[in-house]
PDB file of all heavy atoms in Angstrom:
ATOM      1  N   ARG A   1       7.210  44.569   2.645  1.00  0.00           N
ATOM      2  CA  ARG A   1       8.294  45.037   3.512  1.00  0.00           C
ATOM      3  C   ARG A   1       9.359  45.811   2.730  1.00  0.00           C
ATOM      4  O   ARG A   1      10.265  46.364   3.319  1.00  0.00           O
ATOM      5  CB  ARG A   1       8.939  43.843   4.220  1.00  0.00           C
ATOM      6  CG  ARG A   1       7.974  43.099   5.140  1.00  0.00           C
ATOM      7  CD  ARG A   1       7.486  43.981   6.260  1.00  0.00           C
ATOM      8  NE  ARG A   1       6.551  43.294   7.147  1.00  0.00           N
ATOM      9  CZ  ARG A   1       5.222  43.392   7.046  1.00  0.00           C
ATOM     10  NH1 ARG A   1       4.685  44.147   6.089  1.00  0.00           N
ATOM     11  NH2 ARG A   1       4.441  42.756   7.895  1.00  0.00           N
ATOM     12  N   GLY A   2       9.267  45.812   1.414  1.00  0.00           N
ATOM     13  CA  GLY A   2      10.160  46.623   0.593  1.00  0.00           C
ATOM     14  C   GLY A   2      11.576  46.091   0.511  1.00  0.00           C
ATOM     15  O   GLY A   2      11.863  44.946   0.855  1.00  0.00           O
ATOM     16  N   LEU A   3      12.480  46.955   0.046  1.00  0.00           N
ATOM     17  CA  LEU A   3      13.880  46.575  -0.106  1.00  0.00           C
ATOM     18  C   LEU A   3      14.536  46.388   1.254  1.00  0.00           C
ATOM     19  O   LEU A   3      14.223  47.092   2.205  1.00  0.00           O
ATOM     20  CB  LEU A   3      14.649  47.656  -0.883  1.00  0.00           C
ATOM     21  CG  LEU A   3      14.226  47.908  -2.330  1.00  0.00           C
ATOM     22  CD1 LEU A   3      15.032  49.064  -2.900  1.00  0.00           C
ATOM     23  CD2 LEU A   3      14.404  46.673  -3.184  1.00  0.00           C
ATOM     24  N   SER A   4      15.456  45.443   1.315  1.00  0.00           N
ATOM     25  CA  SER A   4      16.221  45.248   2.540  1.00  0.00           C
ATOM     26  C   SER A   4      17.685  45.531   2.245  1.00  0.00           C
ATOM     27  O   SER A   4      18.121  45.524   1.099  1.00  0.00           O
ATOM     28  CB  SER A   4      16.055  43.818   3.058  1.00  0.00           C
ATOM     29  OG  SER A   4      16.504  42.881   2.088  1.00  0.00           O
ATOM     30  N   GLY A   5      18.444  45.793   3.282  1.00  0.00           N
ATOM     31  CA  GLY A   5      19.869  46.063   3.096  1.00  0.00           C
ATOM     32  C   GLY A   5      20.145  47.530   2.830  1.00  0.00           C
ATOM     33  O   GLY A   5      19.270  48.283   2.394  1.00  0.00           O
ATOM     34  N   SER A   6      21.364  47.928   3.075  1.00  0.00           N
ATOM     35  CA  SER A   6      21.767  49.310   2.855  1.00  0.00           C
ATOM     36  C   SER A   6      21.993  49.570   1.372  1.00  0.00           C
ATOM     37  O   SER A   6      22.176  48.643   0.577  1.00  0.00           O
ATOM     38  CB  SER A   6      23.051  49.610   3.639  1.00  0.00           C
ATOM     39  OG  SER A   6      24.083  48.717   3.248  1.00  0.00           O
ATOM     40  N   LEU A   7      21.988  50.824   0.990  1.00  0.00           N
ATOM     41  CA  LEU A   7      22.180  51.219  -0.398  1.00  0.00           C
ATOM     42  C   LEU A   7      23.473  50.620  -0.963  1.00  0.00           C
ATOM     43  O   LEU A   7      24.544  50.779  -0.388  1.00  0.00           O
ATOM     44  CB  LEU A   7      22.231  52.753  -0.495  1.00  0.00           C
ATOM     45  CG  LEU A   7      22.401  53.343  -1.896  1.00  0.00           C
ATOM     46  CD1 LEU A   7      21.181  53.038  -2.746  1.00  0.00           C
ATOM     47  CD2 LEU A   7      22.638  54.848  -1.812  1.00  0.00           C
ATOM     48  N   GLY A   8      23.328  49.900  -2.066  1.00  0.00           N
ATOM     49  CA  GLY A   8      24.492  49.296  -2.703  1.00  0.00           C
ATOM     50  C   GLY A   8      24.838  47.897  -2.224  1.00  0.00           C
ATOM     51  O   GLY A   8      25.715  47.251  -2.799  1.00  0.00           O
ATOM     52  N   SER A   9      24.166  47.411  -1.172  1.00  0.00           N
ATOM     53  CA  SER A   9      24.441  46.062  -0.663  1.00  0.00           C
ATOM     54  C   SER A   9      23.864  45.019  -1.615  1.00  0.00           C
ATOM     55  O   SER A   9      23.051  45.325  -2.500  1.00  0.00           O
ATOM     56  CB  SER A   9      23.834  45.891   0.729  1.00  0.00           C
ATOM     57  OG  SER A   9      22.417  45.940   0.657  1.00  0.00           O
ATOM     58  N   VAL A  10      24.250  43.760  -1.440  1.00  0.00           N
ATOM     59  CA  VAL A  10      23.726  42.680  -2.284  1.00  0.00           C
ATOM     60  C   VAL A  10      22.213  42.572  -2.115  1.00  0.00           C
ATOM     61  O   VAL A  10      21.476  42.363  -3.087  1.00  0.00           O
ATOM     62  CB  VAL A  10      24.405  41.342  -1.925  1.00  0.00           C
ATOM     63  CG1 VAL A  10      23.816  40.211  -2.756  1.00  0.00           C
ATOM     64  CG2 VAL A  10      25.912  41.427  -2.141  1.00  0.00           C
ATOM     65  N   GLU A  11      21.746  42.734  -0.874  1.00  0.00           N
ATOM     66  CA  GLU A  11      20.305  42.679  -0.622  1.00  0.00           C
ATOM     67  C   GLU A  11      19.572  43.780  -1.384  1.00  0.00           C
ATOM     68  O   GLU A  11      18.507  43.551  -1.960  1.00  0.00           O
ATOM     69  CB  GLU A  11      20.026  42.823   0.882  1.00  0.00           C
ATOM     70  CG  GLU A  11      20.560  41.689   1.731  1.00  0.00           C
ATOM     71  CD  GLU A  11      21.980  41.933   2.205  1.00  0.00           C
ATOM     72  OE1 GLU A  11      22.665  42.804   1.613  1.00  0.00           O
ATOM     73  OE2 GLU A  11      22.395  41.268   3.159  1.00  0.00           O
ATOM     74  N   TRP A  12      20.158  44.970  -1.380  1.00  0.00           N
ATOM     75  CA  TRP A  12      19.564  46.109  -2.082  1.00  0.00           C
ATOM     76  C   TRP A  12      19.533  45.850  -3.579  1.00  0.00           C
ATOM     77  O   TRP A  12      18.539  46.126  -4.256  1.00  0.00           O
ATOM     78  CB  TRP A  12      20.369  47.364  -1.757  1.00  0.00           C
ATOM     79  CG  TRP A  12      19.850  48.616  -2.390  1.00  0.00           C
ATOM     80  CD1 TRP A  12      18.884  49.442  -1.905  1.00  0.00           C
ATOM     81  CD2 TRP A  12      20.295  49.193  -3.636  1.00  0.00           C
ATOM     82  NE1 TRP A  12      18.690  50.499  -2.767  1.00  0.00           N
ATOM     83  CE2 TRP A  12      19.547  50.370  -3.834  1.00  0.00           C
ATOM     84  CE3 TRP A  12      21.251  48.824  -4.573  1.00  0.00           C
ATOM     85  CZ2 TRP A  12      19.721  51.191  -4.950  1.00  0.00           C
ATOM     86  CZ3 TRP A  12      21.428  49.630  -5.692  1.00  0.00           C
ATOM     87  CH2 TRP A  12      20.671  50.802  -5.874  1.00  0.00           C
ATOM     88  N   TRP A  13      20.614  45.294  -4.124  1.00  0.00           N
ATOM     89  CA  TRP A  13      20.673  44.990  -5.545  1.00  0.00           C
ATOM     90  C   TRP A  13      19.641  43.937  -5.932  1.00  0.00           C
ATOM     91  O   TRP A  13      19.076  43.991  -7.035  1.00  0.00           O
ATOM     92  CB  TRP A  13      22.076  44.519  -5.925  1.00  0.00           C
ATOM     93  CG  TRP A  13      23.012  45.665  -6.215  1.00  0.00           C
ATOM     94  CD1 TRP A  13      24.056  46.089  -5.455  1.00  0.00           C
ATOM     95  CD2 TRP A  13      22.960  46.529  -7.356  1.00  0.00           C
ATOM     96  NE1 TRP A  13      24.665  47.181  -6.040  1.00  0.00           N
ATOM     97  CE2 TRP A  13      24.019  47.470  -7.208  1.00  0.00           C
ATOM     98  CE3 TRP A  13      22.143  46.608  -8.477  1.00  0.00           C
ATOM     99  CZ2 TRP A  13      24.254  48.464  -8.155  1.00  0.00           C
ATOM    100  CZ3 TRP A  13      22.378  47.600  -9.413  1.00  0.00           C
ATOM    101  CH2 TRP A  13      23.419  48.506  -9.251  1.00  0.00           C
ATOM    102  N   ALA A  14      19.406  42.974  -5.066  1.00  0.00           N
ATOM    103  CA  ALA A  14      18.391  41.953  -5.351  1.00  0.00           C
ATOM    104  C   ALA A  14      17.028  42.599  -5.566  1.00  0.00           C
ATOM    105  O   ALA A  14      16.306  42.277  -6.522  1.00  0.00           O
ATOM    106  CB  ALA A  14      18.331  40.936  -4.216  1.00  0.00           C
ATOM    107  N   GLY A  15      16.658  43.516  -4.684  1.00  0.00           N
ATOM    108  CA  GLY A  15      15.385  44.214  -4.817  1.00  0.00           C
ATOM    109  C   GLY A  15      15.332  45.080  -6.057  1.00  0.00           C
ATOM    110  O   GLY A  15      14.307  45.142  -6.755  1.00  0.00           O
ATOM    111  N   LEU A  16      16.434  45.759  -6.351  1.00  0.00           N
ATOM    112  CA  LEU A  16      16.475  46.625  -7.527  1.00  0.00           C
ATOM    113  C   LEU A  16      16.361  45.816  -8.810  1.00  0.00           C
ATOM    114  O   LEU A  16      15.650  46.208  -9.753  1.00  0.00           O
ATOM    115  CB  LEU A  16      17.774  47.436  -7.524  1.00  0.00           C
ATOM    116  CG  LEU A  16      17.925  48.454  -8.671  1.00  0.00           C
ATOM    117  CD1 LEU A  16      16.830  49.509  -8.603  1.00  0.00           C
ATOM    118  CD2 LEU A  16      19.301  49.111  -8.616  1.00  0.00           C
ATOM    119  N   LEU A  17      17.049  44.674  -8.862  1.00  0.00           N
ATOM    120  CA  LEU A  17      16.951  43.816 -10.039  1.00  0.00           C
ATOM    121  C   LEU A  17      15.528  43.297 -10.221  1.00  0.00           C
ATOM    122  O   LEU A  17      15.030  43.179 -11.354  1.00  0.00           O
ATOM    123  CB  LEU A  17      17.921  42.634  -9.906  1.00  0.00           C
ATOM    124  CG  LEU A  17      19.389  42.938 -10.143  1.00  0.00           C
ATOM    125  CD1 LEU A  17      20.243  41.716  -9.791  1.00  0.00           C
ATOM    126  CD2 LEU A  17      19.632  43.336 -11.590  1.00  0.00           C
ATOM    127  N   PHE A  18      14.886  42.999  -9.112  1.00  0.00           N
ATOM    128  CA  PHE A  18      13.502  42.542  -9.160  1.00  0.00           C
ATOM    129  C   PHE A  18      12.618  43.602  -9.806  1.00  0.00           C
ATOM    130  O   PHE A  18      11.830  43.317 -10.726  1.00  0.00           O
ATOM    131  CB  PHE A  18      13.003  42.272  -7.743  1.00  0.00           C
ATOM    132  CG  PHE A  18      12.329  40.955  -7.594  1.00  0.00           C
ATOM    133  CD1 PHE A  18      12.860  39.974  -6.772  1.00  0.00           C
ATOM    134  CD2 PHE A  18      11.156  40.673  -8.267  1.00  0.00           C
ATOM    135  CE1 PHE A  18      12.248  38.752  -6.627  1.00  0.00           C
ATOM    136  CE2 PHE A  18      10.534  39.460  -8.131  1.00  0.00           C
ATOM    137  CZ  PHE A  18      11.079  38.490  -7.309  1.00  0.00           C
ATOM    138  N   ALA A  19      12.728  44.834  -9.312  1.00  0.00           N
ATOM    139  CA  ALA A  19      11.921  45.930  -9.838  1.00  0.00           C
ATOM    140  C   ALA A  19      12.228  46.176 -11.310  1.00  0.00           C
ATOM    141  O   ALA A  19      11.318  46.394 -12.129  1.00  0.00           O
ATOM    142  CB  ALA A  19      12.167  47.193  -9.020  1.00  0.00           C
ATOM    143  N   THR A  20      13.511  46.128 -11.670  1.00  0.00           N
ATOM    144  CA  THR A  20      13.913  46.355 -13.060  1.00  0.00           C
ATOM    145  C   THR A  20      13.360  45.282 -13.973  1.00  0.00           C
ATOM    146  O   THR A  20      12.912  45.562 -15.096  1.00  0.00           O
ATOM    147  CB  THR A  20      15.453  46.394 -13.164  1.00  0.00           C
ATOM    148  OG1 THR A  20      15.964  47.391 -12.280  1.00  0.00           O
ATOM    149  CG2 THR A  20      15.881  46.720 -14.590  1.00  0.00           C
ATOM    150  N   ALA A  21      13.383  44.029 -13.505  1.00  0.00           N
ATOM    151  CA  ALA A  21      12.856  42.924 -14.307  1.00  0.00           C
ATOM    152  C   ALA A  21      11.366  43.107 -14.579  1.00  0.00           C
ATOM    153  O   ALA A  21      10.883  42.857 -15.699  1.00  0.00           O
ATOM    154  CB  ALA A  21      13.103  41.596 -13.587  1.00  0.00           C
ATOM    155  N   LEU A  22      10.623  43.548 -13.574  1.00  0.00           N
ATOM    156  CA  LEU A  22       9.186  43.767 -13.748  1.00  0.00           C
ATOM    157  C   LEU A  22       8.917  44.894 -14.736  1.00  0.00           C
ATOM    158  O   LEU A  22       8.037  44.790 -15.602  1.00  0.00           O
ATOM    159  CB  LEU A  22       8.533  44.071 -12.398  1.00  0.00           C
ATOM    160  CG  LEU A  22       8.496  42.922 -11.395  1.00  0.00           C
ATOM    161  CD1 LEU A  22       7.909  43.379 -10.077  1.00  0.00           C
ATOM    162  CD2 LEU A  22       7.701  41.745 -11.953  1.00  0.00           C
ATOM    163  N   VAL A  23       9.677  45.975 -14.623  1.00  0.00           N
ATOM    164  CA  VAL A  23       9.511  47.099 -15.551  1.00  0.00           C
ATOM    165  C   VAL A  23       9.843  46.663 -16.976  1.00  0.00           C
ATOM    166  O   VAL A  23       9.120  46.971 -17.933  1.00  0.00           O
ATOM    167  CB  VAL A  23      10.392  48.292 -15.130  1.00  0.00           C
ATOM    168  CG1 VAL A  23      10.379  49.373 -16.210  1.00  0.00           C
ATOM    169  CG2 VAL A  23       9.909  48.873 -13.807  1.00  0.00           C
ATOM    170  N   ALA A  24      10.947  45.927 -17.127  1.00  0.00           N
ATOM    171  CA  ALA A  24      11.349  45.443 -18.455  1.00  0.00           C
ATOM    172  C   ALA A  24      10.302  44.505 -19.048  1.00  0.00           C
ATOM    173  O   ALA A  24      10.092  44.477 -20.263  1.00  0.00           O
ATOM    174  CB  ALA A  24      12.701  44.742 -18.373  1.00  0.00           C
ATOM    175  N   GLY A  25       9.636  43.739 -18.175  1.00  0.00           N
ATOM    176  CA  GLY A  25       8.590  42.846 -18.639  1.00  0.00           C
ATOM    177  C   GLY A  25       7.424  43.581 -19.260  1.00  0.00           C
ATOM    178  O   GLY A  25       6.767  43.074 -20.178  1.00  0.00           O
ATOM    179  N   VAL A  26       7.146  44.788 -18.785  1.00  0.00           N
ATOM    180  CA  VAL A  26       6.089  45.621 -19.365  1.00  0.00           C
ATOM    181  C   VAL A  26       6.596  46.329 -20.619  1.00  0.00           C
ATOM    182  O   VAL A  26       5.882  46.448 -21.618  1.00  0.00           O
ATOM    183  CB  VAL A  26       5.599  46.662 -18.339  1.00  0.00           C
ATOM    184  CG1 VAL A  26       4.571  47.587 -18.981  1.00  0.00           C
ATOM    185  CG2 VAL A  26       5.001  45.980 -17.125  1.00  0.00           C
ATOM    186  N   VAL A  27       7.846  46.789 -20.571  1.00  0.00           N
ATOM    187  CA  VAL A  27       8.419  47.539 -21.686  1.00  0.00           C
ATOM    188  C   VAL A  27       8.556  46.667 -22.935  1.00  0.00           C
ATOM    189  O   VAL A  27       8.369  47.143 -24.063  1.00  0.00           O
ATOM    190  CB  VAL A  27       9.796  48.115 -21.293  1.00  0.00           C
ATOM    191  CG1 VAL A  27      10.525  48.686 -22.511  1.00  0.00           C
ATOM    192  CG2 VAL A  27       9.621  49.201 -20.234  1.00  0.00           C
ATOM    193  N   ALA A  28       8.859  45.375 -22.757  1.00  0.00           N
ATOM    194  CA  ALA A  28       9.124  44.486 -23.896  1.00  0.00           C
ATOM    195  C   ALA A  28       7.984  44.459 -24.919  1.00  0.00           C
ATOM    196  O   ALA A  28       8.228  44.694 -26.117  1.00  0.00           O
ATOM    197  CB  ALA A  28       9.442  43.087 -23.394  1.00  0.00           C
ATOM    198  N   PRO A  29       6.745  44.164 -24.518  1.00  0.00           N
ATOM    199  CA  PRO A  29       5.676  44.165 -25.529  1.00  0.00           C
ATOM    200  C   PRO A  29       5.373  45.554 -26.074  1.00  0.00           C
ATOM    201  O   PRO A  29       4.998  45.693 -27.245  1.00  0.00           O
ATOM    202  CB  PRO A  29       4.471  43.580 -24.784  1.00  0.00           C
ATOM    203  CG  PRO A  29       4.779  43.738 -23.340  1.00  0.00           C
ATOM    204  CD  PRO A  29       6.259  43.668 -23.226  1.00  0.00           C
ATOM    205  N   ILE A  30       5.531  46.581 -25.257  1.00  0.00           N
ATOM    206  CA  ILE A  30       5.313  47.948 -25.748  1.00  0.00           C
ATOM    207  C   ILE A  30       6.345  48.284 -26.825  1.00  0.00           C
ATOM    208  O   ILE A  30       6.020  48.864 -27.873  1.00  0.00           O
ATOM    209  CB  ILE A  30       5.392  48.955 -24.589  1.00  0.00           C
ATOM    210  CG1 ILE A  30       4.239  48.730 -23.607  1.00  0.00           C
ATOM    211  CG2 ILE A  30       5.369  50.392 -25.111  1.00  0.00           C
ATOM    212  CD1 ILE A  30       4.305  49.576 -22.363  1.00  0.00           C
TER     213      ILE A  30
END
């Protein structure tokens, strides 16, 4: 269902942090 909430909302930030955490998890061993 993707990100929820309007741009900049707490809901939107939750989704963005999730995506960032996953990307960082790949970047770390590289």
